[in-house]
């Protein structure tokens, strides 16, 4: 037997957070729970893991297809299984703690009953309706994730259809891309209702889709091109960026090994120069997920946190701007495991450190050593500072831990209890920031803040000499723990 209307209403009431936007989640929960087929739910109790959520996946797919225009449906038909897999993973992350607790409890009770009666029998598992009744916040989160997945799938497919001609001209030399055959989602943190960076593979090439305007990427790669023109050798690799209204396409850089010794030397020198530019621009967040080794080219593919102010509330590596970039190890194994140069278990050897130093010195002298060129560099910094860059108040890891903790079973029984938990976690910043953090974390997003940098000191070289920078660089690389 399915849920009665009164039960659905009581679930919605328990999941309601009156202090946040009402939005359309209530109607979505009502439609979703009303659509569940009792006969299919019975078989779900015999399934394991994420397969127990298959009725919700089926509901999501059934509600997506009628909303897709014919052209968009044809565009994504080759990657629909991958889209479906993304949905399954997201729903599983939301429901896993409650599923595991309820399954464990029911199996323990079933075993105890059989032992008491001296009989043997199958071990019971919870069906989805039982979960909904016990954890009323769960259907709200599931419904929200379905809405975000459906909305973003429609948005992406329509943008691929609309931009295919300009993509072929701007990023693929005018050649026909062919069918869409590959989809890799969730390549970044979730922002703004579940939106993430996506890699799309066509028959004749790949491209990166970012659900934001692309200003940081555009200005960063333009700056690298300008530095190349000033005479930096070996030169940086710059990716092409196609900016659209509220989103962008970025040239795909394929990770690859560097097979030649001379190529590896150039790689380490480029890396040193890249660290130098990042340092001069007061960059942060240069961690391994934002960096790609494409042959002999290290590429910072997500350069959205440049010209960053000092922030005592942020979980940083220390007060030194060069260490705060995120490239260099600090001796903290947890942090070093995600830094741009991951050295905790495989530190660079003396020759590699020497090439990194050489690249750093060459770039520093090119941009800072000559007064005329330095003035032009600072002028470009000032132009970049007028744009909006990401401001990181807390680490993404902290937000992820809070988000996971907020889906634990004891907080899924009442929206009020979950809200109070999130409020307690977000208290140590200003009220406006805390309000935005609460709003994002409630819907399982990672908060994202942006601001212009006109009030920030524009060059780290003003208070940090080359000798000091090299001392920090060498100390970090040569002394990193094994």
Protein backbone atom coordinates (compact mmCIF):
# COMPACT_ATOMS: atom_id res chain seq x y z
CA UNK A 1 0.00 0.00 0.00
CA UNK A 2 1.32 3.46 -0.93
CA UNK A 3 1.35 6.58 1.13
CA UNK A 4 -2.00 8.19 1.89
CA UNK A 5 -2.55 11.89 1.26
CA UNK A 6 -2.54 12.59 4.97
CA UNK A 7 0.82 10.82 5.34
CA UNK A 8 2.31 12.81 2.47
CA UNK A 9 1.05 16.03 4.06
CA UNK A 10 2.59 15.10 7.43
CA UNK A 11 5.93 14.32 5.74
CA UNK A 12 5.89 17.71 3.99
CA UNK A 13 5.02 19.42 7.25
CA UNK A 14 7.95 17.79 9.09
CA UNK A 15 10.33 18.64 6.23
CA UNK A 16 9.24 22.28 5.96
CA UNK A 17 11.85 24.92 6.83
CA UNK A 18 9.79 28.06 7.25
CA UNK A 19 12.82 30.34 7.49
CA UNK A 20 14.01 29.59 3.95
CA UNK A 21 12.40 29.97 0.55
CA UNK A 22 9.32 27.79 0.12
CA UNK A 23 10.08 27.22 -3.59
CA UNK A 24 8.48 24.32 -5.47
CA UNK A 25 9.84 21.44 -3.42
CA UNK A 26 6.51 20.79 -1.67
CA UNK A 27 4.67 20.22 -4.93
CA UNK A 28 7.56 18.08 -6.18
CA UNK A 29 7.50 15.89 -3.06
CA UNK A 30 3.73 15.48 -3.37
CA UNK A 31 3.98 14.48 -7.04
CA UNK A 32 6.91 12.15 -6.38
CA UNK A 33 5.36 10.31 -3.44
CA UNK A 34 1.96 10.10 -5.11
CA UNK A 35 3.53 8.53 -8.23
CA UNK A 36 5.20 5.65 -6.39
CA UNK A 37 3.79 2.24 -7.36
CA UNK A 38 3.23 0.05 -4.27
CA UNK A 39 3.95 -3.15 -6.26
CA UNK A 40 7.34 -1.88 -7.43
CA UNK A 41 8.16 -0.68 -3.92
CA UNK A 42 7.71 -4.18 -2.53
CA UNK A 43 10.51 -5.50 -4.74
CA UNK A 44 12.77 -2.63 -3.65
CA UNK A 45 12.92 -3.99 -0.12
CA UNK A 46 14.77 -7.03 -1.52
CA UNK A 47 17.30 -4.88 -3.39
CA UNK A 48 20.51 -3.61 -1.88
CA UNK A 49 22.30 -0.28 -1.72
CA UNK A 50 21.37 2.44 -4.18
CA UNK A 51 19.06 0.10 -6.14
CA UNK A 52 16.52 0.57 -3.38
CA UNK A 53 16.06 4.11 -4.72
CA UNK A 54 15.17 2.97 -8.25
CA UNK A 55 11.52 4.16 -8.02
CA UNK A 56 12.77 7.72 -7.48
CA UNK A 57 15.19 7.39 -10.39
CA UNK A 58 12.34 6.17 -12.59
CA UNK A 59 10.22 9.13 -11.50
CA UNK A 60 13.05 11.55 -12.36
CA UNK A 61 13.53 10.08 -15.83
CA UNK A 62 9.79 9.99 -16.56
CA UNK A 63 9.42 13.66 -15.61
CA UNK A 64 12.52 14.74 -17.56
CA UNK A 65 11.76 13.28 -20.99
CA UNK A 66 8.50 15.19 -21.70
CA UNK A 67 10.26 18.47 -20.86
CA UNK A 68 13.09 17.97 -23.35
CA UNK A 69 12.63 19.52 -26.80
CA UNK A 70 13.04 16.98 -29.59
CA UNK A 71 16.41 18.42 -30.66
CA UNK A 72 17.75 18.29 -27.09
CA UNK A 73 16.49 14.73 -26.62
CA UNK A 74 18.29 13.60 -29.75
CA UNK A 75 21.45 15.45 -28.65
CA UNK A 76 21.80 13.68 -25.32
CA UNK A 77 20.44 10.24 -26.18
CA UNK A 78 23.98 8.86 -26.51
CA UNK A 79 24.91 9.91 -22.97
CA UNK A 80 21.62 9.35 -21.18
CA UNK A 81 22.98 6.35 -19.26
CA UNK A 82 25.77 8.54 -17.89
CA UNK A 83 23.26 11.23 -16.91
CA UNK A 84 21.18 8.58 -15.18
CA UNK A 85 24.29 7.31 -13.36
CA UNK A 86 24.99 10.84 -12.10
CA UNK A 87 21.45 11.01 -10.67
CA UNK A 88 21.84 7.61 -8.98
CA UNK A 89 25.10 8.68 -7.33
CA UNK A 90 23.59 11.89 -6.02
CA UNK A 91 20.51 10.20 -4.59
CA UNK A 92 22.66 7.51 -3.03
CA UNK A 93 24.85 10.09 -1.27
CA UNK A 94 21.73 11.73 0.18
CA UNK A 95 20.01 8.55 1.33
CA UNK A 96 22.93 6.28 2.28
CA UNK A 97 23.17 7.16 6.01
CA UNK A 98 19.44 6.62 6.56
CA UNK A 99 19.40 3.46 4.44
CA UNK A 100 22.32 1.96 6.34
CA UNK A 101 20.88 2.76 9.75
CA UNK A 102 17.41 1.45 8.93
CA UNK A 103 18.76 -1.67 7.25
CA UNK A 104 21.00 -2.47 10.20
CA UNK A 105 18.19 -1.91 12.69
CA UNK A 106 15.67 -4.04 10.78
CA UNK A 107 18.13 -6.89 10.26
CA UNK A 108 19.06 -6.91 13.94
CA UNK A 109 15.38 -6.94 14.96
CA UNK A 110 14.59 -9.71 12.45
CA UNK A 111 17.46 -11.89 13.67
CA UNK A 112 16.45 -11.35 17.30
CA UNK A 113 12.86 -12.36 16.51
CA UNK A 114 13.92 -15.52 14.70
CA UNK A 115 16.25 -16.46 17.55
CA UNK A 116 13.49 -15.89 20.09
CA UNK A 117 11.01 -18.02 18.14
CA UNK A 118 13.60 -20.64 17.22
CA UNK A 119 12.85 -20.25 13.53
CA UNK A 120 14.79 -19.22 10.46
CA UNK A 121 13.65 -16.77 7.86
CA UNK A 122 14.62 -14.00 5.50
CA UNK A 123 16.10 -10.83 6.89
CA UNK A 124 13.90 -7.80 6.33
CA UNK A 125 15.09 -4.58 4.72
CA UNK A 126 13.31 -1.24 4.63
CA UNK A 127 11.38 -0.20 1.56
CA UNK A 128 11.43 3.44 0.41
CA UNK A 129 8.08 4.25 2.02
CA UNK A 130 9.33 3.17 5.41
CA UNK A 131 12.29 5.50 4.98
CA UNK A 132 10.00 8.37 4.04
CA UNK A 133 7.87 7.88 7.12
CA UNK A 134 10.80 7.63 9.53
CA UNK A 135 12.97 10.34 7.94
CA UNK A 136 10.61 12.99 6.48
CA UNK A 137 13.47 15.36 5.50
CA UNK A 138 14.79 12.67 3.16
CA UNK A 139 12.03 12.93 0.52
CA UNK A 140 12.50 16.69 0.45
CA UNK A 141 16.24 16.34 -0.27
CA UNK A 142 15.61 13.60 -2.83
CA UNK A 143 12.98 15.73 -4.58
CA UNK A 144 15.29 18.76 -4.62
CA UNK A 145 18.14 16.72 -6.11
CA UNK A 146 15.78 15.41 -8.79
CA UNK A 147 14.65 18.95 -9.62
CA UNK A 148 18.25 20.18 -9.88
CA UNK A 149 19.31 17.21 -11.99
CA UNK A 150 16.34 17.60 -14.33
CA UNK A 151 16.75 21.38 -14.67
CA UNK A 152 20.50 21.16 -15.30
CA UNK A 153 20.12 18.31 -17.83
CA UNK A 154 17.59 20.36 -19.81
CA UNK A 155 19.75 23.47 -19.61
CA UNK A 156 22.90 21.64 -20.74
CA UNK A 157 21.24 19.81 -23.63
CA UNK A 158 19.62 22.99 -24.95
CA UNK A 159 22.95 24.85 -24.73
CA UNK A 160 24.75 22.11 -26.65
CA UNK A 161 22.15 22.31 -29.40
CA UNK A 162 22.28 26.12 -29.56
CA UNK A 163 26.08 26.44 -29.39
CA UNK A 164 27.15 23.54 -31.57
CA UNK A 165 27.93 25.74 -34.64
CA UNK A 166 29.96 28.32 -32.70
CA UNK A 167 31.72 25.56 -30.75
CA UNK A 168 32.81 23.94 -33.99
CA UNK A 169 34.16 27.25 -35.31
CA UNK A 170 35.79 28.60 -32.13
CA UNK A 171 37.29 25.49 -30.53
CA UNK A 172 37.46 22.81 -33.25
CA UNK A 173 38.66 24.59 -36.36
CA UNK A 174 35.29 24.39 -38.09
CA UNK A 175 35.12 20.58 -38.22
CA UNK A 176 31.89 18.75 -37.51
CA UNK A 177 31.82 17.46 -33.92
CA UNK A 178 29.63 14.45 -34.65
CA UNK A 179 27.37 12.83 -32.08
CA UNK A 180 27.64 13.40 -28.34
CA UNK A 181 28.98 10.10 -26.98
CA UNK A 182 30.56 10.86 -23.60
CA UNK A 183 29.43 12.66 -20.45
CA UNK A 184 31.49 13.07 -17.26
CA UNK A 185 29.66 15.14 -14.68
CA UNK A 186 30.43 16.37 -11.17
CA UNK A 187 33.99 17.43 -12.09
CA UNK A 188 33.78 20.28 -9.58
CA UNK A 189 32.00 21.26 -6.40
CA UNK A 190 28.22 21.64 -6.54
CA UNK A 191 27.16 25.29 -6.72
CA UNK A 192 23.87 27.08 -7.33
CA UNK A 193 21.39 24.18 -7.20
CA UNK A 194 23.64 21.26 -8.04
CA UNK A 195 25.47 22.72 -11.03
CA UNK A 196 28.95 21.34 -11.69
CA UNK A 197 31.64 21.36 -14.35
CA UNK A 198 31.03 18.74 -17.05
CA UNK A 199 33.20 17.14 -19.73
CA UNK A 200 31.39 16.38 -22.98
CA UNK A 201 32.91 14.03 -25.52
CA UNK A 202 31.82 14.17 -29.14
CA UNK A 203 32.89 11.76 -31.87
CA UNK A 204 35.60 14.22 -32.95
CA UNK A 205 36.63 16.03 -29.80
CA UNK A 206 36.03 16.90 -26.16
CA UNK A 207 35.08 20.16 -24.47
CA UNK A 208 34.58 21.38 -20.90
CA UNK A 209 31.29 23.01 -19.92
CA UNK A 210 31.27 25.37 -16.92
CA UNK A 211 27.95 26.71 -15.58
CA UNK A 212 29.37 30.20 -14.99
CA UNK A 213 30.43 33.05 -17.23
CA UNK A 214 34.10 32.14 -17.64
CA UNK A 215 35.59 35.55 -16.81
CA UNK A 216 38.35 34.14 -14.54
CA UNK A 217 39.45 31.60 -17.17
CA UNK A 218 39.36 34.16 -19.95
CA UNK A 219 41.48 36.74 -18.13
CA UNK A 220 43.89 34.15 -16.69
CA UNK A 221 44.71 32.57 -20.05
CA UNK A 222 44.92 36.01 -21.66
CA UNK A 223 47.49 36.95 -19.04
CA UNK A 224 49.51 33.81 -19.78
CA UNK A 225 49.47 34.67 -23.48
CA UNK A 226 50.75 38.17 -22.66
CA UNK A 227 53.54 36.71 -20.51
CA UNK A 228 54.53 34.44 -23.40
CA UNK A 229 54.76 37.49 -25.66
CA UNK A 230 57.07 39.16 -23.15
CA UNK A 231 59.56 36.38 -23.82
CA UNK A 232 58.97 33.66 -21.22
CA UNK A 233 60.60 30.39 -22.27
CA UNK A 234 59.46 27.69 -22.20
CA UNK A 235 56.10 29.27 -22.89
CA UNK A 236 52.85 28.52 -21.08
CA UNK A 237 50.03 26.60 -22.75
CA UNK A 238 46.85 28.70 -22.91
CA UNK A 239 43.37 27.23 -23.31
CA UNK A 240 40.70 28.86 -25.45
CA UNK A 241 37.57 30.03 -23.66
CA UNK A 242 34.19 30.65 -25.29
CA UNK A 243 32.13 32.88 -23.00
CA UNK A 244 28.35 32.81 -23.18
CA UNK A 245 25.58 34.36 -21.08
CA UNK A 246 25.95 32.74 -17.66
CA UNK A 247 28.11 29.81 -18.79
CA UNK A 248 31.19 29.05 -20.87
CA UNK A 249 32.99 26.39 -22.91
CA UNK A 250 36.69 25.73 -22.35
CA UNK A 251 39.13 23.88 -24.55
CA UNK A 252 39.78 20.38 -23.21
CA UNK A 253 43.29 19.65 -21.95
CA UNK A 254 43.95 15.92 -21.93
CA UNK A 255 46.06 14.57 -19.04
CA UNK A 256 49.14 12.84 -20.43
CA UNK A 257 52.59 11.68 -19.37
CA UNK A 258 55.73 13.35 -20.67
CA UNK A 259 57.92 10.65 -22.27
CA UNK A 260 61.12 12.63 -22.98
CA UNK A 261 63.75 13.93 -20.57
CA UNK A 262 63.88 17.38 -22.20
CA UNK A 263 60.09 17.57 -22.06
CA UNK A 264 60.13 16.77 -18.33
CA UNK A 265 62.71 19.51 -17.76
CA UNK A 266 60.45 21.99 -19.54
CA UNK A 267 57.49 20.74 -17.46
CA UNK A 268 59.23 21.51 -14.15
CA UNK A 269 60.39 24.93 -15.40
CA UNK A 270 56.90 25.81 -16.53
CA UNK A 271 55.61 24.66 -13.17
CA UNK A 272 58.04 26.99 -11.38
CA UNK A 273 56.93 29.88 -13.61
CA UNK A 274 53.27 29.02 -12.97
CA UNK A 275 53.88 29.07 -9.22
CA UNK A 276 55.51 32.48 -9.62
CA UNK A 277 52.57 34.00 -11.52
CA UNK A 278 50.10 32.48 -9.05
CA UNK A 279 52.11 33.98 -6.17
CA UNK A 280 52.32 37.44 -7.75
CA UNK A 281 48.56 37.38 -8.27
CA UNK A 282 47.91 36.22 -4.68
CA UNK A 283 46.12 33.12 -5.94
CA UNK A 284 44.68 30.47 -3.65
CA UNK A 285 43.03 27.10 -4.26
CA UNK A 286 45.73 25.77 -6.62
CA UNK A 287 45.07 22.19 -5.54
CA UNK A 288 45.44 18.99 -7.53
CA UNK A 289 41.84 18.86 -8.77
CA UNK A 290 42.34 22.28 -10.40
CA UNK A 291 45.62 21.32 -12.09
CA UNK A 292 46.24 19.08 -15.11
CA UNK A 293 49.57 17.71 -16.31
CA UNK A 294 49.12 17.68 -20.10
CA UNK A 295 52.41 16.24 -21.33
CA UNK A 296 55.07 18.86 -20.70
CA UNK A 297 52.48 21.49 -19.77
CA UNK A 298 51.16 22.01 -16.21
CA UNK A 299 47.82 23.81 -16.57
CA UNK A 300 45.79 25.55 -13.89
CA UNK A 301 42.31 24.88 -15.28
CA UNK A 302 40.21 26.51 -12.55
CA UNK A 303 41.86 29.91 -11.86
CA UNK A 304 38.87 31.60 -10.24
CA UNK A 305 40.48 32.57 -6.88
CA UNK A 306 43.06 35.19 -7.85
CA UNK A 307 44.07 38.41 -6.05
CA UNK A 308 42.74 36.89 -2.85
CA UNK A 309 42.78 38.96 0.37
CA UNK A 310 44.19 37.57 3.58
CA UNK A 311 41.45 35.88 5.55
CA UNK A 312 42.10 34.78 9.14
CA UNK A 313 38.88 32.73 9.17
CA UNK A 314 39.99 30.57 6.27
CA UNK A 315 41.64 27.21 6.89
CA UNK A 316 44.91 28.16 5.20
CA UNK A 317 48.40 26.77 5.21
CA UNK A 318 49.83 29.78 7.05
CA UNK A 319 50.40 33.47 6.73
CA UNK A 320 52.88 33.19 3.85
CA UNK A 321 51.28 34.14 0.54
CA UNK A 322 53.44 31.69 -1.43
CA UNK A 323 52.28 28.75 0.70
CA UNK A 324 48.69 30.00 0.62
CA UNK A 325 48.60 29.56 -3.16
CA UNK A 326 48.15 25.84 -2.60
CA UNK A 327 50.97 24.59 -4.84
CA UNK A 328 53.59 23.76 -2.22
CA UNK A 329 53.61 21.18 0.57
CA UNK A 330 53.46 22.40 4.15
CA UNK A 331 54.28 19.27 6.14
CA UNK A 332 50.62 18.59 6.89
CA UNK A 333 49.88 15.22 5.25
CA UNK A 334 46.14 15.84 4.89
CA UNK A 335 46.59 19.20 3.17
CA UNK A 336 49.59 18.09 1.13
CA UNK A 337 47.64 15.18 -0.37
CA UNK A 338 45.53 17.64 -2.40
CA UNK A 339 48.05 20.41 -3.12
CA UNK A 340 49.12 21.27 -6.67
CA UNK A 341 52.46 19.54 -6.06
CA UNK A 342 51.50 16.44 -4.08
CA UNK A 343 54.73 15.57 -2.31
CA UNK A 344 53.71 13.73 0.84
CA UNK A 345 54.63 10.30 -0.59
CA UNK A 346 56.66 11.20 -3.68
CA UNK A 347 58.69 14.40 -3.22
CA UNK A 348 60.47 15.91 -6.24
CA UNK A 349 64.15 15.07 -6.49
CA UNK A 350 66.96 17.63 -6.40
CA UNK A 351 67.04 18.04 -10.20
CA UNK A 352 63.31 18.70 -10.36
CA UNK A 353 63.52 21.23 -7.53
CA UNK A 354 66.33 22.99 -9.37
CA UNK A 355 64.21 23.29 -12.54
CA UNK A 356 61.23 24.57 -10.53
CA UNK A 357 63.52 27.23 -9.00
CA UNK A 358 64.87 28.15 -12.43
CA UNK A 359 61.37 28.58 -13.82
CA UNK A 360 60.32 30.66 -10.81
CA UNK A 361 63.39 32.93 -11.09
CA UNK A 362 63.02 33.42 -14.85
CA UNK A 363 59.37 34.40 -14.54
CA UNK A 364 60.00 36.68 -11.55
CA UNK A 365 62.80 38.55 -13.31
CA UNK A 366 60.73 38.84 -16.46
CA UNK A 367 57.69 40.33 -14.71
CA UNK A 368 59.24 42.16 -11.74
CA UNK A 369 62.91 42.75 -12.57
CA UNK A 370 62.31 45.20 -15.43
CA UNK A 371 60.57 48.40 -14.29
CA UNK A 372 58.74 49.03 -17.58
CA UNK A 373 57.46 45.49 -17.82
CA UNK A 374 56.55 45.47 -14.14
CA UNK A 375 54.40 48.59 -14.69
CA UNK A 376 52.57 46.84 -17.54
CA UNK A 377 52.09 43.74 -15.40
CA UNK A 378 50.64 45.79 -12.52
CA UNK A 379 48.36 47.55 -15.00
CA UNK A 380 47.01 44.18 -16.14
CA UNK A 381 46.54 43.21 -12.50
CA UNK A 382 44.51 46.36 -11.94
CA UNK A 383 42.30 45.53 -14.92
CA UNK A 384 41.82 41.99 -13.64
CA UNK A 385 41.03 43.27 -10.14
CA UNK A 386 37.95 45.05 -11.46
CA UNK A 387 36.41 41.70 -12.36
CA UNK A 388 34.69 39.43 -9.87
CA UNK A 389 36.85 36.65 -8.44
CA UNK A 390 36.00 33.88 -6.06
CA UNK A 391 36.44 34.68 -2.37
CA UNK A 392 37.03 31.60 -0.22
CA UNK A 393 35.98 32.08 3.39
CA UNK A 394 36.26 28.42 4.37
CA UNK A 395 37.76 25.37 2.70
CA UNK A 396 35.64 23.21 0.43
CA UNK A 397 36.56 20.24 2.62
CA UNK A 398 34.92 21.92 5.60
CA UNK A 399 31.72 22.54 3.64
CA UNK A 400 31.70 18.93 2.41
CA UNK A 401 32.04 17.58 5.94
CA UNK A 402 29.20 19.79 7.19
CA UNK A 403 27.03 18.82 4.22
CA UNK A 404 27.58 15.08 4.84
CA UNK A 405 26.96 15.50 8.55
CA UNK A 406 23.64 17.23 7.83
CA UNK A 407 22.29 14.07 6.16
CA UNK A 408 22.87 11.86 9.20
CA UNK A 409 19.71 10.06 10.36
CA UNK A 410 19.12 12.00 13.59
CA UNK A 411 18.93 15.24 11.56
CA UNK A 412 16.64 13.81 8.89
CA UNK A 413 13.69 13.46 11.23
CA UNK A 414 13.02 17.19 11.46
CA UNK A 415 13.89 20.16 9.23
CA UNK A 416 14.15 22.32 12.36
CA UNK A 417 16.83 20.08 13.91
CA UNK A 418 18.78 20.06 10.66
CA UNK A 419 18.56 23.83 10.39
CA UNK A 420 19.74 24.34 13.97
CA UNK A 421 22.74 22.09 13.26
CA UNK A 422 23.68 24.07 10.14
CA UNK A 423 23.17 27.36 11.96
CA UNK A 424 25.57 26.26 14.69
CA UNK A 425 28.18 25.35 12.06
CA UNK A 426 27.93 28.68 10.20
CA UNK A 427 28.17 31.06 13.15
CA UNK A 428 31.84 32.12 13.04
CA UNK A 429 31.50 34.48 10.04
CA UNK A 430 29.46 37.61 9.36
CA UNK A 431 25.68 37.34 9.38
CA UNK A 432 25.39 37.88 5.62
CA UNK A 433 27.97 35.20 4.82
CA UNK A 434 26.42 32.79 7.31
CA UNK A 435 22.99 33.33 5.72
CA UNK A 436 24.34 32.43 2.28
CA UNK A 437 26.22 29.43 3.67
CA UNK A 438 23.07 28.19 5.37
CA UNK A 439 21.03 28.58 2.19
CA UNK A 440 23.54 26.60 0.10
CA UNK A 441 24.22 23.86 2.64
CA UNK A 442 20.50 23.30 3.23
CA UNK A 443 20.19 22.20 -0.39
CA UNK A 444 23.54 20.30 -0.28
CA UNK A 445 25.43 22.86 -2.36
CA UNK A 446 28.90 24.27 -1.66
CA UNK A 447 28.62 28.05 -1.08
CA UNK A 448 30.41 30.21 -3.65
CA UNK A 449 31.24 33.87 -3.03
CA UNK A 450 32.66 36.42 -5.47
CA UNK A 451 33.93 39.97 -5.15
CA UNK A 452 36.11 42.48 -7.00
CA UNK A 453 39.67 42.98 -5.77
CA UNK A 454 40.17 46.72 -6.09
CA UNK A 455 40.76 47.05 -2.35
CA UNK A 456 43.50 44.36 -2.30
CA UNK A 457 47.26 44.92 -2.59
CA UNK A 458 47.96 43.89 -6.17
CA UNK A 459 51.43 42.37 -6.06
CA UNK A 460 52.99 40.02 -3.55
CA UNK A 461 56.41 41.21 -4.74
CA UNK A 462 55.86 44.53 -2.91
CA UNK A 463 56.49 42.92 0.47
CA UNK A 464 58.21 39.67 -0.46
CA UNK A 465 61.62 39.57 -2.17
CA UNK A 466 62.85 36.97 -4.64
CA UNK A 467 65.33 35.60 -2.09
CA UNK A 468 62.57 35.16 0.48
CA UNK A 469 60.34 33.46 -2.08
CA UNK A 470 63.12 31.07 -3.11
CA UNK A 471 63.84 30.23 0.52
CA UNK A 472 60.19 29.27 1.06
CA UNK A 473 60.05 27.40 -2.27
CA UNK A 474 63.18 25.35 -1.64
CA UNK A 475 62.35 24.71 1.99
CA UNK A 476 58.87 23.44 1.13
CA UNK A 477 60.04 21.13 -1.66
CA UNK A 478 63.26 19.78 -0.13
CA UNK A 479 61.91 19.31 3.38
CA UNK A 480 58.54 17.76 2.52
CA UNK A 481 57.97 14.60 4.55
CA UNK A 482 58.16 11.09 3.16
